[in-house]
Protein backbone atom coordinates (compact mmCIF):
# COMPACT_ATOMS: atom_id res chain seq x y z
CA MET A 1 -21.54 -1.27 -24.72
CA ASN A 2 -18.18 -2.52 -23.89
CA SER A 3 -18.49 -2.87 -20.01
CA LYS A 4 -14.86 -4.24 -19.43
CA MET A 5 -13.12 -1.31 -21.61
CA ILE A 6 -15.28 1.13 -19.46
CA ALA A 7 -14.54 -0.72 -16.09
CA GLU A 8 -11.05 -0.42 -16.83
CA GLN A 9 -11.30 3.51 -17.82
CA ILE A 10 -13.20 4.04 -14.73
CA PHE A 11 -10.08 2.03 -12.80
CA LEU A 12 -7.55 4.13 -14.64
CA ALA A 13 -9.36 7.50 -13.67
CA GLY A 14 -9.12 6.33 -9.88
CA VAL A 15 -5.60 5.91 -10.36
CA LYS A 16 -4.64 8.92 -12.19
CA SER A 17 -6.30 11.09 -9.62
CA VAL A 18 -3.71 10.12 -6.88
CA GLU A 19 -0.56 10.35 -8.94
CA PRO A 20 2.22 11.52 -6.62
CA ASP A 21 3.41 14.33 -8.60
CA LYS A 22 0.02 15.74 -8.73
CA LEU A 23 -0.58 15.54 -4.85
CA ILE A 24 2.68 17.02 -3.96
CA ARG A 25 2.43 20.24 -6.15
CA ARG A 26 -0.96 20.51 -4.40
CA HIS A 27 0.44 20.30 -0.92
CA VAL A 28 3.85 21.57 -1.08
CA TYR A 29 4.98 25.24 -2.65
CA ILE A 30 7.11 28.36 -1.97
CA GLU A 31 5.60 32.22 -1.82
CA GLY A 32 8.55 34.35 -1.10
CA ILE A 33 10.39 33.34 1.89
CA LEU A 34 7.89 30.91 3.03
CA LEU A 35 7.84 27.35 2.40
CA PHE A 36 4.24 26.10 2.67
CA ILE A 37 3.44 22.27 3.27
CA SER A 38 -0.36 21.57 3.60
CA GLY A 39 -0.90 24.63 5.58
CA ILE A 40 2.36 24.61 7.68
CA GLN A 41 4.17 27.72 7.41
CA LEU A 42 8.22 27.25 7.66
CA PRO A 43 10.37 30.37 7.22
CA LEU A 44 12.94 29.29 4.88
CA ASP A 45 15.49 31.59 6.09
CA THR A 46 15.53 30.13 9.53
CA ILE A 47 16.18 26.79 8.65
CA ASN A 48 19.60 25.96 8.53
CA HIS A 49 19.22 22.40 6.61
CA ILE A 50 16.62 20.64 4.51
CA TYR A 51 16.95 16.90 4.61
CA VAL A 52 14.76 14.41 2.22
CA ILE A 53 14.23 10.85 3.12
CA GLY A 54 11.41 8.54 2.57
CA ALA A 55 9.76 4.77 1.74
CA GLY A 56 7.50 3.33 -0.48
CA LYS A 57 6.59 2.49 -4.14
CA ALA A 58 5.81 6.25 -4.70
CA GLY A 59 8.77 7.71 -3.05
CA ALA A 60 10.87 8.41 -6.21
CA VAL A 61 8.06 10.34 -8.15
CA MET A 62 6.90 12.12 -4.75
CA ALA A 63 10.57 12.94 -4.11
CA LYS A 64 11.27 14.34 -7.66
CA GLU A 65 8.44 16.90 -6.99
CA ILE A 66 10.14 17.99 -3.88
CA ASP A 67 13.54 18.43 -5.84
CA ASP A 68 11.85 20.51 -8.39
CA ILE A 69 10.36 22.70 -5.77
CA LEU A 70 13.20 23.14 -3.35
CA GLY A 71 16.15 22.40 -5.91
CA ASP A 72 19.65 23.59 -4.17
CA ARG A 73 17.93 24.49 -0.54
CA ILE A 74 18.12 20.40 -0.19
CA THR A 75 21.24 19.57 1.80
CA GLU A 76 20.84 15.98 1.63
CA GLY A 77 18.15 13.59 0.51
CA HIS A 78 17.58 9.70 0.44
CA VAL A 79 14.63 7.56 -0.50
CA VAL A 80 14.15 4.00 -1.06
CA VAL A 81 11.40 2.56 -3.55
CA LYS A 82 10.57 -0.92 -5.18
CA TYR A 83 12.75 -2.38 -7.79
CA GLY A 84 11.46 -0.28 -11.24
CA HIS A 85 10.26 2.44 -9.29
CA ALA A 86 12.97 4.82 -9.42
CA CYS A 87 13.94 7.90 -11.16
CA ASP A 88 16.97 10.26 -11.48
CA LEU A 89 17.04 13.41 -9.30
CA LYS A 90 19.59 16.14 -8.82
CA HIS A 91 19.27 16.56 -5.05
CA ILE A 92 18.06 13.46 -3.59
CA GLU A 93 19.68 9.92 -3.92
CA VAL A 94 17.23 7.06 -4.70
CA TYR A 95 17.66 3.25 -4.05
CA GLU A 96 15.66 0.38 -5.11
CA ALA A 97 14.91 -2.61 -2.80
CA GLY A 98 12.98 -5.66 -2.21
CA HIS A 99 9.17 -5.40 -1.80
CA PRO A 100 7.27 -7.32 -0.45
CA VAL A 101 10.08 -9.22 0.80
CA PRO A 102 13.04 -7.19 2.33
CA ASP A 103 16.13 -7.51 0.91
CA ASN A 104 20.03 -6.10 1.42
CA ASN A 105 19.36 -3.31 -0.42
CA GLY A 106 16.73 -2.26 1.89
CA LEU A 107 19.30 -2.20 4.91
CA LEU A 108 21.55 -0.33 3.39
CA ALA A 109 18.92 2.48 2.29
CA THR A 110 17.80 2.29 5.67
CA GLN A 111 21.01 2.71 7.32
CA GLN A 112 21.69 5.89 5.03
CA ILE A 113 17.77 7.28 5.98
CA LEU A 114 18.69 6.48 9.74
CA ALA A 115 21.80 8.28 9.20
CA ILE A 116 20.52 11.54 7.53
CA ALA A 117 18.07 11.88 10.51
CA GLY A 118 20.38 11.59 12.90
CA LYS A 119 22.12 14.59 11.49
CA ALA A 120 19.19 16.95 11.92
CA ASP A 121 19.03 19.25 15.08
CA SER A 122 16.26 21.74 16.26
CA ASN A 123 17.04 24.10 13.41
CA ASP A 124 16.82 22.09 10.61
CA LEU A 125 13.80 20.68 8.66
CA ILE A 126 13.52 16.88 7.65
CA ILE A 127 10.61 15.95 5.10
CA CYS A 128 9.60 12.58 5.11
CA LEU A 129 7.71 10.66 2.11
CA ILE A 130 5.85 7.77 2.92
CA SER A 131 3.79 5.45 0.58
CA GLY A 132 2.73 1.99 0.06
CA GLY A 133 5.24 -0.79 0.41
CA GLY A 134 7.36 1.47 2.91
CA SER A 135 7.02 -1.03 5.72
CA ALA A 136 9.10 -3.77 3.87
CA LEU A 137 11.67 -1.33 2.02
CA LEU A 138 12.05 0.45 5.26
CA ALA A 139 14.25 -2.90 6.36
CA ASP A 140 16.46 -3.45 9.51
CA LEU A 141 17.37 -5.98 11.55
CA PRO A 142 16.84 -6.99 15.65
CA GLU A 143 20.10 -7.52 17.55
CA GLY A 144 21.98 -10.25 16.47
CA GLY A 145 19.43 -10.88 13.34
CA ASN A 146 20.16 -11.35 9.52
CA ILE A 147 18.57 -10.82 6.35
CA SER A 148 17.51 -14.70 5.73
CA ASP A 149 15.59 -14.64 8.90
CA LEU A 150 13.70 -11.06 7.96
CA ILE A 151 13.01 -12.62 4.88
CA ILE A 152 11.31 -15.93 6.45
CA THR A 153 9.39 -13.78 8.74
CA ASN A 154 8.13 -11.27 6.21
CA SER A 155 7.25 -14.44 3.98
CA LEU A 156 5.40 -16.14 7.00
CA LEU A 157 3.38 -12.88 7.52
CA LEU A 158 2.35 -12.36 4.02
CA LYS A 159 1.24 -15.74 3.43
CA SER A 160 -0.40 -16.09 7.13
CA GLY A 161 -3.74 -14.35 6.50
CA ALA A 162 -2.77 -11.83 8.83
CA ASP A 163 -4.16 -8.32 8.17
CA ILE A 164 -1.69 -5.26 7.89
CA GLN A 165 -2.30 -4.00 11.24
CA GLU A 166 -1.36 -7.55 12.51
CA MET A 167 1.44 -7.95 10.24
CA ASN A 168 2.86 -4.59 11.22
CA ALA A 169 2.69 -5.36 15.01
CA VAL A 170 5.35 -7.85 14.44
CA ARG A 171 6.99 -6.04 11.98
CA LYS A 172 7.48 -2.51 14.52
CA HIS A 173 8.82 -4.82 17.07
CA LEU A 174 11.49 -6.38 14.96
CA SER A 175 12.74 -3.21 13.74
CA LYS A 176 14.67 0.23 15.18
CA VAL A 177 13.17 2.49 12.52
CA LYS A 178 9.34 1.49 12.42
CA GLY A 179 6.89 2.18 15.04
CA GLY A 180 7.91 5.73 15.63
CA GLN A 181 11.29 4.95 15.81
CA LEU A 182 12.29 7.09 12.59
CA ALA A 183 10.83 9.99 14.26
CA THR A 184 12.95 9.30 17.49
CA ALA A 185 16.17 9.55 15.19
CA ALA A 186 14.93 12.58 13.79
CA TYR A 187 14.33 14.29 16.97
CA PRO A 188 14.47 17.36 17.95
CA ALA A 189 14.52 18.33 14.05
CA VAL A 190 11.33 19.63 12.67
CA LEU A 191 9.69 16.48 10.75
CA VAL A 192 6.64 16.66 8.13
CA SER A 193 5.83 13.31 6.81
CA LEU A 194 3.61 13.66 3.42
CA VAL A 195 1.89 10.11 3.27
CA LEU A 196 -0.14 8.31 0.64
CA SER A 197 -2.15 6.11 2.44
CA ASP A 198 -2.58 2.22 1.54
CA VAL A 199 -4.36 1.00 4.63
CA ILE A 200 -8.31 0.73 5.69
CA GLY A 201 -9.32 4.07 7.20
CA ASP A 202 -5.96 6.02 6.74
CA GLU A 203 -4.54 5.01 9.91
CA LEU A 204 -0.97 6.67 10.44
CA ASP A 205 0.34 4.32 12.61
CA THR A 206 -0.42 1.62 10.06
CA ILE A 207 0.78 3.14 6.57
CA ALA A 208 4.75 1.55 6.18
CA SER A 209 4.56 0.67 9.75
CA GLY A 210 4.24 4.09 11.24
CA PRO A 211 7.94 5.27 11.10
CA THR A 212 7.01 8.57 12.21
CA VAL A 213 3.97 8.06 14.25
CA PRO A 214 3.24 7.14 17.86
CA ASP A 215 3.10 3.26 18.11
CA THR A 216 0.18 2.07 20.27
CA THR A 217 0.85 -1.69 19.84
CA THR A 218 3.44 -3.64 22.09
CA PHE A 219 5.88 -6.56 22.00
CA GLU A 220 3.05 -8.51 23.70
CA ASP A 221 0.91 -7.81 20.54
CA ALA A 222 3.40 -9.05 18.37
CA ILE A 223 3.36 -12.52 20.18
CA ARG A 224 -0.37 -12.68 20.11
CA VAL A 225 -0.18 -12.18 16.43
CA LEU A 226 2.09 -15.02 16.15
CA GLU A 227 0.26 -17.30 18.28
CA LYS A 228 -3.27 -16.47 16.33
CA TYR A 229 -1.30 -17.46 13.01
CA ASN A 230 0.28 -20.56 14.50
CA LEU A 231 3.75 -18.99 13.46
CA LEU A 232 5.54 -19.40 17.18
CA LYS A 233 6.76 -22.84 15.72
CA ASP A 234 8.06 -21.62 12.04
CA ILE A 235 9.43 -17.99 12.98
CA PRO A 236 13.31 -18.11 12.82
CA GLN A 237 14.14 -18.91 16.60
CA GLY A 238 16.48 -15.25 16.83
CA HIS A 239 13.23 -13.18 16.47
CA LEU A 240 10.93 -15.28 18.59
CA GLU A 241 13.71 -14.92 21.24
CA TYR A 242 14.06 -11.13 20.55
CA LEU A 243 10.17 -10.57 20.94
CA GLN A 244 10.31 -12.90 24.07
CA GLY A 245 12.88 -10.58 25.32
CA GLY A 246 11.07 -7.20 24.64
CA VAL A 247 8.05 -8.71 26.69
CA ALA A 248 10.35 -9.46 29.39
CA GLY A 249 11.46 -5.74 29.46
CA ALA A 250 15.20 -6.38 27.72
CA HIS A 251 14.43 -4.23 24.34
CA PRO A 252 12.85 -0.68 24.89
CA GLU A 253 9.55 -0.10 23.59
CA THR A 254 8.42 1.82 20.59
CA PRO A 255 7.34 5.49 21.40
CA LYS A 256 4.01 6.31 22.48
CA PRO A 257 1.52 9.11 22.30
CA GLY A 258 2.53 11.59 24.32
CA SER A 259 6.69 11.08 23.56
CA PRO A 260 8.41 14.16 23.38
CA VAL A 261 10.08 12.89 20.19
CA PHE A 262 6.44 13.36 18.31
CA ASN A 263 6.51 17.60 19.74
CA ASP A 264 7.45 18.91 16.30
CA THR A 265 6.02 16.13 14.11
CA HIS A 266 3.66 16.45 11.45
CA ASN A 267 1.97 13.59 9.45
CA ILE A 268 0.09 14.61 6.90
CA ILE A 269 -2.08 12.51 4.48
CA ILE A 270 -2.21 13.66 0.91
CA GLY A 271 -3.45 10.86 -0.98
CA SER A 272 -6.14 8.03 -0.37
CA ASN A 273 -8.47 5.49 -1.62
CA THR A 274 -11.11 8.21 -1.00
CA ILE A 275 -9.67 10.55 -3.61
CA ALA A 276 -9.16 7.43 -6.17
CA LEU A 277 -13.11 6.40 -5.69
CA GLU A 278 -14.17 9.92 -6.03
CA ALA A 279 -12.13 10.02 -9.21
CA ALA A 280 -13.74 6.79 -10.48
CA CYS A 281 -17.09 7.76 -9.52
CA LYS A 282 -16.84 11.09 -11.61
CA LYS A 283 -15.58 9.31 -14.46
CA ALA A 284 -18.32 6.38 -14.36
CA VAL A 285 -21.03 9.18 -14.49
CA GLU A 286 -19.14 10.75 -17.38
CA SER A 287 -19.49 7.13 -19.02
CA GLY A 288 -23.45 7.48 -18.78
CA LEU A 289 -23.83 5.14 -15.86
CA ASN A 290 -25.78 5.58 -12.83
CA ALA A 291 -22.93 5.45 -10.22
CA PHE A 292 -22.59 4.46 -6.36
CA SER A 293 -19.82 4.64 -4.49
CA ILE A 294 -20.35 2.08 -1.58
CA THR A 295 -17.39 1.83 0.47
CA THR A 296 -13.45 2.61 0.95
CA GLU A 297 -13.41 -0.35 3.64
CA LEU A 298 -13.65 -3.58 1.54
CA GLN A 299 -11.71 -5.69 3.30
CA GLY A 300 -12.05 -9.26 5.00
CA ASP A 301 -10.92 -12.83 3.41
CA THR A 302 -10.74 -12.15 -0.47
CA MET A 303 -12.92 -15.08 -1.24
CA GLU A 304 -15.61 -13.87 1.28
CA ALA A 305 -15.69 -10.44 0.04
CA ALA A 306 -16.00 -11.66 -3.72
CA HIS A 307 -19.28 -13.64 -2.49
CA ARG A 308 -20.43 -10.28 -0.77
CA LEU A 309 -19.94 -8.10 -3.67
CA VAL A 310 -21.56 -10.35 -6.52
CA GLU A 311 -24.54 -10.71 -4.07
CA THR A 312 -24.55 -7.35 -3.79
CA ALA A 313 -24.21 -6.81 -7.79
CA ILE A 314 -27.08 -9.40 -8.07
CA LYS A 315 -29.27 -7.31 -5.66
CA TYR A 316 -28.65 -4.00 -7.58
CA GLN A 317 -29.63 -5.67 -10.68
CA LYS A 318 -33.03 -7.25 -9.66
CA ASP A 319 -33.95 -4.11 -7.76
CA PRO A 320 -36.17 -1.96 -10.50
CA SER A 321 -35.96 1.33 -8.73
CA VAL A 322 -32.19 1.33 -9.82
CA LYS A 323 -31.52 3.17 -12.86
CA LYS A 324 -29.63 0.84 -15.41
CA PRO A 325 -27.13 0.80 -16.57
CA CYS A 326 -25.22 1.43 -13.21
CA CYS A 327 -21.77 1.03 -11.23
CA LEU A 328 -21.04 0.10 -8.26
CA LEU A 329 -17.71 1.04 -6.85
CA PHE A 330 -15.40 -0.27 -3.76
CA GLY A 331 -12.34 0.71 -2.38
CA GLY A 332 -10.04 -0.93 0.13
CA GLU A 333 -7.82 -4.01 0.60
CA THR A 334 -8.92 -7.65 1.31
CA THR A 335 -6.73 -10.78 2.48
CA LEU A 336 -5.96 -13.59 0.81
CA ARG A 337 -4.28 -17.05 2.59
CA VAL A 338 -2.63 -18.56 0.36
CA THR A 339 -2.26 -22.48 0.39
CA GLY A 340 -1.79 -23.27 -3.37
CA SER A 341 1.34 -23.15 -5.16
CA GLY A 342 0.32 -21.04 -7.85
CA ILE A 343 0.93 -17.05 -8.87
CA GLY A 344 -1.35 -14.52 -8.44
CA GLY A 345 -2.59 -11.91 -6.16
CA ARG A 346 -5.80 -10.88 -4.14
CA ASN A 347 -7.32 -8.56 -6.89
CA GLN A 348 -6.71 -11.49 -9.63
CA HIS A 349 -8.06 -14.21 -7.27
CA MET A 350 -11.06 -12.25 -6.30
CA ALA A 351 -11.90 -11.52 -9.91
CA LEU A 352 -11.35 -15.16 -10.90
CA HIS A 353 -14.01 -16.22 -7.86
CA ALA A 354 -16.06 -13.71 -9.18
CA ALA A 355 -15.91 -15.33 -12.64
CA TRP A 356 -17.23 -18.58 -10.87
CA LEU A 357 -20.05 -17.07 -9.04
CA LEU A 358 -21.30 -14.63 -12.04
CA HIS A 359 -20.96 -17.79 -14.74
CA ASP A 360 -24.81 -17.85 -15.41
CA LYS A 361 -25.30 -14.34 -14.46
CA GLU A 362 -25.69 -12.02 -17.55
CA GLY A 363 -25.24 -8.33 -17.62
CA ILE A 364 -22.44 -7.90 -14.72
CA THR A 365 -19.01 -7.03 -15.36
CA PHE A 366 -16.44 -7.14 -12.33
CA LEU A 367 -13.03 -5.50 -12.16
CA SER A 368 -10.87 -5.70 -8.96
CA ALA A 369 -7.11 -4.16 -9.57
CA GLY A 370 -4.76 -2.59 -7.31
CA THR A 371 -3.64 0.94 -7.72
CA ASP A 372 -0.13 0.56 -7.86
CA GLY A 373 -0.22 -1.44 -10.59
CA ASN A 374 1.54 -4.78 -8.80
CA ASP A 375 -1.06 -7.46 -7.89
CA GLY A 376 1.03 -9.84 -5.82
CA PRO A 377 4.54 -10.94 -7.27
CA THR A 378 3.06 -10.51 -11.09
CA THR A 379 3.35 -7.96 -13.62
CA ALA A 380 -0.74 -7.26 -13.85
CA ALA A 381 -2.72 -4.97 -11.64
CA GLY A 382 -5.69 -7.20 -11.35
CA ALA A 383 -8.48 -8.72 -13.72
CA VAL A 384 -11.75 -8.01 -15.20
CA VAL A 385 -14.54 -10.70 -16.05
CA ASP A 386 -18.04 -11.40 -16.77
CA THR A 387 -20.25 -14.21 -17.50
CA LYS A 388 -18.48 -15.12 -20.68
CA THR A 389 -15.07 -15.52 -18.77
CA ARG A 390 -16.09 -19.18 -17.87
CA GLU A 391 -17.44 -19.84 -21.16
CA GLN A 392 -14.21 -18.77 -22.76
CA ALA A 393 -12.28 -21.03 -20.34
CA LEU A 394 -14.19 -24.00 -21.09
CA LEU A 395 -13.71 -23.50 -24.98
CA GLN A 396 -9.89 -23.37 -24.43
CA ASP A 397 -9.80 -26.63 -21.83
CA LEU A 398 -9.12 -24.41 -18.86
CA ASP A 399 -10.70 -25.60 -15.59
CA MET A 400 -11.60 -22.62 -13.29
CA ASN A 401 -11.93 -24.64 -10.22
CA THR A 402 -8.36 -26.04 -10.21
CA TYR A 403 -6.79 -22.64 -11.18
CA LEU A 404 -8.74 -21.34 -8.14
CA GLN A 405 -7.93 -24.26 -5.67
CA ASP A 406 -4.02 -23.59 -7.07
CA PHE A 407 -4.34 -20.22 -6.39
CA ASP A 408 -3.09 -19.96 -9.85
CA SER A 409 -5.27 -16.61 -10.90
CA PHE A 410 -2.38 -15.33 -13.14
CA HIS A 411 -1.66 -18.06 -15.21
CA PHE A 412 -5.56 -18.45 -15.66
CA PHE A 413 -5.90 -15.04 -17.07
CA GLU A 414 -2.90 -15.27 -18.88
CA LYS A 415 -4.47 -17.81 -20.89
CA ALA A 416 -8.10 -16.81 -20.86
CA GLY A 417 -7.55 -12.92 -20.96
CA GLY A 418 -8.81 -10.18 -18.83
CA HIS A 419 -5.71 -9.10 -17.31
CA ILE A 420 -5.71 -5.55 -16.20
CA VAL A 421 -1.76 -4.38 -16.86
CA THR A 422 -0.77 -0.70 -16.07
CA GLY A 423 2.80 -1.40 -15.12
CA PRO A 424 4.12 0.37 -12.20
CA THR A 425 1.96 3.43 -11.52
CA MET A 426 4.21 5.02 -8.80
CA THR A 427 1.23 5.42 -6.56
CA ASN A 428 -0.64 3.13 -4.23
CA VAL A 429 -3.64 3.65 -2.27
CA MET A 430 -5.21 -0.06 -1.94
CA ASP A 431 -7.29 -1.69 -4.57
CA LEU A 432 -10.41 -0.73 -6.37
CA VAL A 433 -13.15 -2.87 -7.45
CA VAL A 434 -15.46 -1.73 -10.51
CA ILE A 435 -18.82 -3.60 -11.33
CA ILE A 436 -21.03 -2.32 -14.06
CA ILE A 437 -24.71 -3.79 -13.95
CA GLU A 438 -26.68 -3.42 -17.28
């Protein structure tokens, strides 16, 4: 049995289940004069204008389905997506911008999105399309800020080891759109956000930094994150002073639970890691494997997670009560603190570390990949390994430990083989780990 190929097929089945066009069609449709959005009924004859806005890697594909469903009923629309993720639409403009590091295109697109939201009144509908990557793509600056400072701050956060909630606490408080502030701009219109979740627990205030969701974090929280990861001395001075000013009351806080700006705001999760994991599990069973869906909350340090996952696989392999071959499935998102100068991502690094741990363990195949198709700043989604990976590396004089120390997993798999390459999938519901045990 070709376990590597089967593991990849299981991963791809999970990705296919959360393709944005399918999810939108499942939740948005018209019957007569009624527009249905995930159970919400809106009489079209009472809506003066329909605006479509959004941000995230899946934004263009989501917007295309909304464009096809609503057509000429759309007054105006604007979504921002990662470079290489756009498509042509009739009634909605699509801007491409930088991710994971924001750029000037993101600033311009965000200004357009805020301008559209500001046009709407109480007789209008705004459909907001949110997906993974939205936090970087919804780029704006604090008073007196510049794009260089924004890039530095985001890069520092990405490399710090901070989790997504911690990073977003800082991002929200250096922004006028994140942390519920897009809902403030849209008020008093009816605002319906359709969300693809890319965070543990599907926490709405964390996905894309929660632009349409009440924010429970504060300026004080943002400062504490910088302190925790020793970033106070490295963050641009203007950003630090702005956050300190917020603590002192010089800048308004983000809108909190109970604010009237959320009175007619609806946030609906239409896709998640749970859905992907269920589809992957179904594919595993169809492939003749005894499948176990373990968790959708895989998180923590990438290296530590790799240790736990390999130990779990060995435990299942040794358990005579577990029918073989079997498949263990995990979903979530780990955190990789980069200290080397190489290129890679958390999934490739996890797979490389797993290969090191599995070098003498026959019959275990380990795949880790991102559902968005982009693991870190690379063209790979992740990688798949087994006990032969280290053997093949030695035959090519590749020192696996050196690549691990340099955080250069991409170049290791480029030479040794094992990359999972999907290209942009136009979706993002975190990562999947597929372990096949014979």
